[in-house]
Amino acid sequence: TNIYIDDCTGEPFAKISEQNHQRNSAVSQYTIQNADGDVIATSNMQRNYGTEVDVTDQLTGKRLWSASTPWLQIADSWRVDMRAGAPESLATDPRVVLILLAEVSAPTWGLGPLPAWLMSMTVVCCVCMCWCCVACSQAVADASKGRPSPRSDAFV
């Protein structure tokens, strides 16, 4: 399985590839690659009593982050622990983390991965969240500098 991730301008910036295509296996491995195809990080996923994901930097071999979810959980919620002092990397980009965990969470029940429309909605929601974060951070930056927001005169 290959998942291609585009930025908000539609340019590809990452690819997640599943190495062990045995979805019913207790262990799978994913690679995170940049747009040039260079492997940035690898991820090991284990399903025992819950699901655990560890992402390791390809160059240093150090763990960048890990995520876990308990067994027999009704809703998909993950606990993600970013390693203190980990360098910023494509593998720590929130969009990549979200898409990787969505892929790992995909229920199969012997039917294969989630439908394409559901994965598409996940990507759309991720892009919308990123846009909202950028807009809010810009508004906070403008407010801290004493500049009015572009629409502050709309209700005058």
C-alpha atoms as a PDB file:
ATOM      1  CA  THR A   1       0.000   0.000   0.000  1.00  0.00           C
ATOM      2  CA  ASN A   2       1.300   3.473  -0.911  1.00  0.00           C
ATOM      3  CA  ILE A   3      -0.261   6.668   0.419  1.00  0.00           C
ATOM      4  CA  TYR A   4       0.769   9.906  -1.267  1.00  0.00           C
ATOM      5  CA  ILE A   5       0.400  13.098   0.785  1.00  0.00           C
ATOM      6  CA  ASP A   6       0.114  16.508  -0.897  1.00  0.00           C
ATOM      7  CA  ASP A   7       0.549  19.916   0.699  1.00  0.00           C
ATOM      8  CA  CYS A   8      -2.144  22.594   0.502  1.00  0.00           C
ATOM      9  CA  THR A   9      -0.908  23.709  -2.926  1.00  0.00           C
ATOM     10  CA  GLY A  10      -1.329  20.190  -4.326  1.00  0.00           C
ATOM     11  CA  GLU A  11       2.400  19.447  -4.444  1.00  0.00           C
ATOM     12  CA  PRO A  12       3.410  15.994  -3.203  1.00  0.00           C
ATOM     13  CA  PHE A  13       5.633  16.148  -0.147  1.00  0.00           C
ATOM     14  CA  ALA A  14       5.490  12.676   1.427  1.00  0.00           C
ATOM     15  CA  LYS A  15       4.711   9.040   0.785  1.00  0.00           C
ATOM     16  CA  ILE A  16       3.901   6.340   3.317  1.00  0.00           C
ATOM     17  CA  SER A  17       4.490   2.766   2.165  1.00  0.00           C
ATOM     18  CA  GLU A  18       3.455  -0.403   3.934  1.00  0.00           C
ATOM     19  CA  GLN A  19       6.284  -2.929   3.768  1.00  0.00           C
ATOM     20  CA  ASN A  20       4.517  -6.008   5.092  1.00  0.00           C
ATOM     21  CA  HIS A  21       1.221  -6.209   3.285  1.00  0.00           C
ATOM     22  CA  GLN A  22      -0.122  -8.806   5.688  1.00  0.00           C
ATOM     23  CA  ARG A  23      -2.866  -6.775   7.346  1.00  0.00           C
ATOM     24  CA  ASN A  24      -3.981  -9.627   9.569  1.00  0.00           C
ATOM     25  CA  SER A  25      -0.448 -10.020  10.875  1.00  0.00           C
ATOM     26  CA  ALA A  26       0.375  -8.715  14.334  1.00  0.00           C
ATOM     27  CA  VAL A  27       3.344  -6.699  13.007  1.00  0.00           C
ATOM     28  CA  SER A  28       3.611  -4.320  10.042  1.00  0.00           C
ATOM     29  CA  GLN A  29       6.284  -1.873   8.930  1.00  0.00           C
ATOM     30  CA  TYR A  30       5.817   1.449   7.159  1.00  0.00           C
ATOM     31  CA  THR A  31       8.358   3.766   5.571  1.00  0.00           C
ATOM     32  CA  ILE A  32       7.985   7.541   5.354  1.00  0.00           C
ATOM     33  CA  GLN A  33       9.609   9.057   2.275  1.00  0.00           C
ATOM     34  CA  ASN A  34      10.028  12.636   1.102  1.00  0.00           C
ATOM     35  CA  ALA A  35       8.975  13.845  -2.369  1.00  0.00           C
ATOM     36  CA  ASP A  36      12.325  12.722  -3.814  1.00  0.00           C
ATOM     37  CA  GLY A  37      11.794   9.157  -2.573  1.00  0.00           C
ATOM     38  CA  ASP A  38      14.412   9.327   0.190  1.00  0.00           C
ATOM     39  CA  VAL A  39      13.438   7.261   3.240  1.00  0.00           C
ATOM     40  CA  ILE A  40      13.153   9.655   6.186  1.00  0.00           C
ATOM     41  CA  ALA A  41      11.844   7.273   8.839  1.00  0.00           C
ATOM     42  CA  THR A  42      10.530   3.778   9.427  1.00  0.00           C
ATOM     43  CA  SER A  43       7.609   2.755  11.565  1.00  0.00           C
ATOM     44  CA  ASN A  44       6.909  -0.529  13.275  1.00  0.00           C
ATOM     45  CA  MET A  45       3.319  -1.303  14.196  1.00  0.00           C
ATOM     46  CA  GLN A  46       2.329  -4.091  16.583  1.00  0.00           C
ATOM     47  CA  ARG A  47      -1.148  -5.332  17.390  1.00  0.00           C
ATOM     48  CA  ASN A  48      -1.236  -7.272  20.638  1.00  0.00           C
ATOM     49  CA  TYR A  49      -3.479  -6.027  23.422  1.00  0.00           C
ATOM     50  CA  GLY A  50      -3.908  -2.700  21.700  1.00  0.00           C
ATOM     51  CA  THR A  51      -1.932  -1.134  18.880  1.00  0.00           C
ATOM     52  CA  GLU A  52       1.505   0.420  19.242  1.00  0.00           C
ATOM     53  CA  VAL A  53       3.381   2.434  16.614  1.00  0.00           C
ATOM     54  CA  ASP A  54       7.030   3.501  16.922  1.00  0.00           C
ATOM     55  CA  VAL A  55       8.578   5.848  14.351  1.00  0.00           C
ATOM     56  CA  THR A  56      12.378   5.829  14.054  1.00  0.00           C
ATOM     57  CA  ASP A  57      14.619   8.309  12.240  1.00  0.00           C
ATOM     58  CA  GLN A  58      16.377   6.646   9.301  1.00  0.00           C
ATOM     59  CA  LEU A  59      19.702   8.483   9.762  1.00  0.00           C
ATOM     60  CA  THR A  60      20.164   8.347  13.520  1.00  0.00           C
ATOM     61  CA  GLY A  61      18.132   5.261  14.418  1.00  0.00           C
ATOM     62  CA  LYS A  62      16.538   7.183  17.288  1.00  0.00           C
ATOM     63  CA  ARG A  63      12.821   7.040  18.021  1.00  0.00           C
ATOM     64  CA  LEU A  64      11.031  10.245  16.972  1.00  0.00           C
ATOM     65  CA  TRP A  65       7.607   9.434  18.380  1.00  0.00           C
ATOM     66  CA  SER A  66       5.396   6.597  19.487  1.00  0.00           C
ATOM     67  CA  ALA A  67       1.633   6.165  19.601  1.00  0.00           C
ATOM     68  CA  SER A  68      -0.634   3.679  21.292  1.00  0.00           C
ATOM     69  CA  THR A  69      -4.295   2.858  21.562  1.00  0.00           C
ATOM     70  CA  PRO A  70      -5.903   0.355  23.936  1.00  0.00           C
ATOM     71  CA  TRP A  71      -7.481  -2.919  22.929  1.00  0.00           C
ATOM     72  CA  LEU A  72     -11.258  -3.118  22.303  1.00  0.00           C
ATOM     73  CA  GLN A  73     -11.716   0.604  22.070  1.00  0.00           C
ATOM     74  CA  ILE A  74     -14.948   1.906  20.533  1.00  0.00           C
ATOM     75  CA  ALA A  75     -13.658   5.256  19.243  1.00  0.00           C
ATOM     76  CA  ASP A  76     -10.333   5.841  17.518  1.00  0.00           C
ATOM     77  CA  SER A  77      -8.202   7.849  19.897  1.00  0.00           C
ATOM     78  CA  TRP A  78      -4.444   7.670  20.085  1.00  0.00           C
ATOM     79  CA  ARG A  79      -1.916   8.727  22.673  1.00  0.00           C
ATOM     80  CA  VAL A  80       1.061  10.176  20.799  1.00  0.00           C
ATOM     81  CA  ASP A  81       4.329  10.784  22.631  1.00  0.00           C
ATOM     82  CA  MET A  82       6.873  12.929  20.802  1.00  0.00           C
ATOM     83  CA  ARG A  83      10.426  12.314  21.979  1.00  0.00           C
ATOM     84  CA  ALA A  84      11.854  15.308  23.806  1.00  0.00           C
ATOM     85  CA  GLY A  85      14.634  16.874  21.784  1.00  0.00           C
ATOM     86  CA  ALA A  86      13.709  15.060  18.582  1.00  0.00           C
ATOM     87  CA  PRO A  87      14.689  17.084  15.517  1.00  0.00           C
ATOM     88  CA  GLU A  88      11.968  18.479  13.303  1.00  0.00           C
ATOM     89  CA  SER A  89      11.435  16.042  10.503  1.00  0.00           C
ATOM     90  CA  LEU A  90       8.953  15.100   7.820  1.00  0.00           C
ATOM     91  CA  ALA A  91       8.104  12.142  10.058  1.00  0.00           C
ATOM     92  CA  THR A  92       7.023  14.503  12.865  1.00  0.00           C
ATOM     93  CA  ASP A  93       4.846  16.661  10.580  1.00  0.00           C
ATOM     94  CA  PRO A  94       1.282  16.492  12.014  1.00  0.00           C
ATOM     95  CA  ARG A  95      -0.167  15.704   8.577  1.00  0.00           C
ATOM     96  CA  VAL A  96       2.094  12.676   8.205  1.00  0.00           C
ATOM     97  CA  VAL A  97       1.390  11.519  11.771  1.00  0.00           C
ATOM     98  CA  LEU A  98      -2.368  11.799  11.210  1.00  0.00           C
ATOM     99  CA  ILE A  99      -2.350   9.931   7.898  1.00  0.00           C
ATOM    100  CA  LEU A 100      -0.074   7.172   9.253  1.00  0.00           C
ATOM    101  CA  LEU A 101      -2.333   6.628  12.264  1.00  0.00           C
ATOM    102  CA  ALA A 102      -5.421   6.657  10.018  1.00  0.00           C
ATOM    103  CA  GLU A 103      -3.830   3.929   7.884  1.00  0.00           C
ATOM    104  CA  VAL A 104      -2.871   1.870  10.934  1.00  0.00           C
ATOM    105  CA  SER A 105      -6.404   2.303  12.331  1.00  0.00           C
ATOM    106  CA  ALA A 106      -8.118   1.165   9.136  1.00  0.00           C
ATOM    107  CA  PRO A 107     -10.372  -1.730  10.091  1.00  0.00           C
ATOM    108  CA  THR A 108     -10.191  -4.674   7.770  1.00  0.00           C
ATOM    109  CA  TRP A 109     -12.510  -7.421   9.032  1.00  0.00           C
ATOM    110  CA  GLY A 110     -11.210  -9.291   6.004  1.00  0.00           C
ATOM    111  CA  LEU A 111     -12.628  -6.666   3.633  1.00  0.00           C
ATOM    112  CA  GLY A 112      -9.495  -4.610   2.955  1.00  0.00           C
ATOM    113  CA  PRO A 113      -8.781  -1.004   3.957  1.00  0.00           C
ATOM    114  CA  LEU A 114     -11.292   1.765   4.510  1.00  0.00           C
ATOM    115  CA  PRO A 115     -13.190   2.999   1.453  1.00  0.00           C
ATOM    116  CA  ALA A 116     -11.402   5.621  -0.631  1.00  0.00           C
ATOM    117  CA  TRP A 117     -14.058   8.257   0.125  1.00  0.00           C
ATOM    118  CA  LEU A 118     -13.412   7.935   3.859  1.00  0.00           C
ATOM    119  CA  MET A 119      -9.654   8.296   3.411  1.00  0.00           C
ATOM    120  CA  SER A 120     -10.309  11.287   1.128  1.00  0.00           C
ATOM    121  CA  MET A 121     -12.457  12.905   3.823  1.00  0.00           C
ATOM    122  CA  THR A 122      -9.638  12.357   6.329  1.00  0.00           C
ATOM    123  CA  VAL A 123      -7.218  14.188   4.038  1.00  0.00           C
ATOM    124  CA  VAL A 124      -9.731  17.013   3.465  1.00  0.00           C
ATOM    125  CA  CYS A 125     -10.250  17.370   7.223  1.00  0.00           C
ATOM    126  CA  CYS A 126      -6.494  17.419   7.772  1.00  0.00           C
ATOM    127  CA  VAL A 127      -6.043  20.184   5.183  1.00  0.00           C
ATOM    128  CA  CYS A 128      -8.910  22.179   6.729  1.00  0.00           C
ATOM    129  CA  MET A 129      -7.380  21.843  10.197  1.00  0.00           C
ATOM    130  CA  CYS A 130      -4.031  23.051   8.870  1.00  0.00           C
ATOM    131  CA  TRP A 131      -5.693  26.030   7.178  1.00  0.00           C
ATOM    132  CA  CYS A 132      -7.544  26.925  10.399  1.00  0.00           C
ATOM    133  CA  CYS A 133      -4.322  26.717  12.411  1.00  0.00           C
ATOM    134  CA  VAL A 134      -2.522  29.015   9.973  1.00  0.00           C
ATOM    135  CA  ALA A 135      -5.430  31.506   9.942  1.00  0.00           C
ATOM    136  CA  CYS A 136      -5.683  31.539  13.739  1.00  0.00           C
ATOM    137  CA  SER A 137      -1.944  31.944  14.233  1.00  0.00           C
ATOM    138  CA  GLN A 138      -1.949  34.859  11.762  1.00  0.00           C
ATOM    139  CA  ALA A 139      -4.853  36.505  13.618  1.00  0.00           C
ATOM    140  CA  VAL A 140      -3.058  36.100  16.950  1.00  0.00           C
ATOM    141  CA  ALA A 141       0.145  37.528  15.454  1.00  0.00           C
ATOM    142  CA  ASP A 142      -1.765  40.516  14.042  1.00  0.00           C
ATOM    143  CA  ALA A 143      -3.546  41.099  17.338  1.00  0.00           C
ATOM    144  CA  SER A 144      -0.298  41.001  19.301  1.00  0.00           C
ATOM    145  CA  LYS A 145       1.146  43.685  17.013  1.00  0.00           C
ATOM    146  CA  GLY A 146      -1.932  45.864  17.451  1.00  0.00           C
ATOM    147  CA  ARG A 147      -3.078  45.530  13.844  1.00  0.00           C
ATOM    148  CA  PRO A 148      -6.816  45.185  13.247  1.00  0.00           C
ATOM    149  CA  SER A 149      -7.994  42.056  11.512  1.00  0.00           C
ATOM    150  CA  PRO A 150      -8.795  42.449   7.794  1.00  0.00           C
ATOM    151  CA  ARG A 151     -12.534  42.122   8.500  1.00  0.00           C
ATOM    152  CA  SER A 152     -12.756  44.258  11.672  1.00  0.00           C
ATOM    153  CA  ASP A 153     -14.654  47.000   9.819  1.00  0.00           C
ATOM    154  CA  ALA A 154     -17.264  44.616   8.417  1.00  0.00           C
ATOM    155  CA  PHE A 155     -19.730  45.295  11.237  1.00  0.00           C
ATOM    156  CA  VAL A 156     -19.167  49.051  11.586  1.00  0.00           C
END
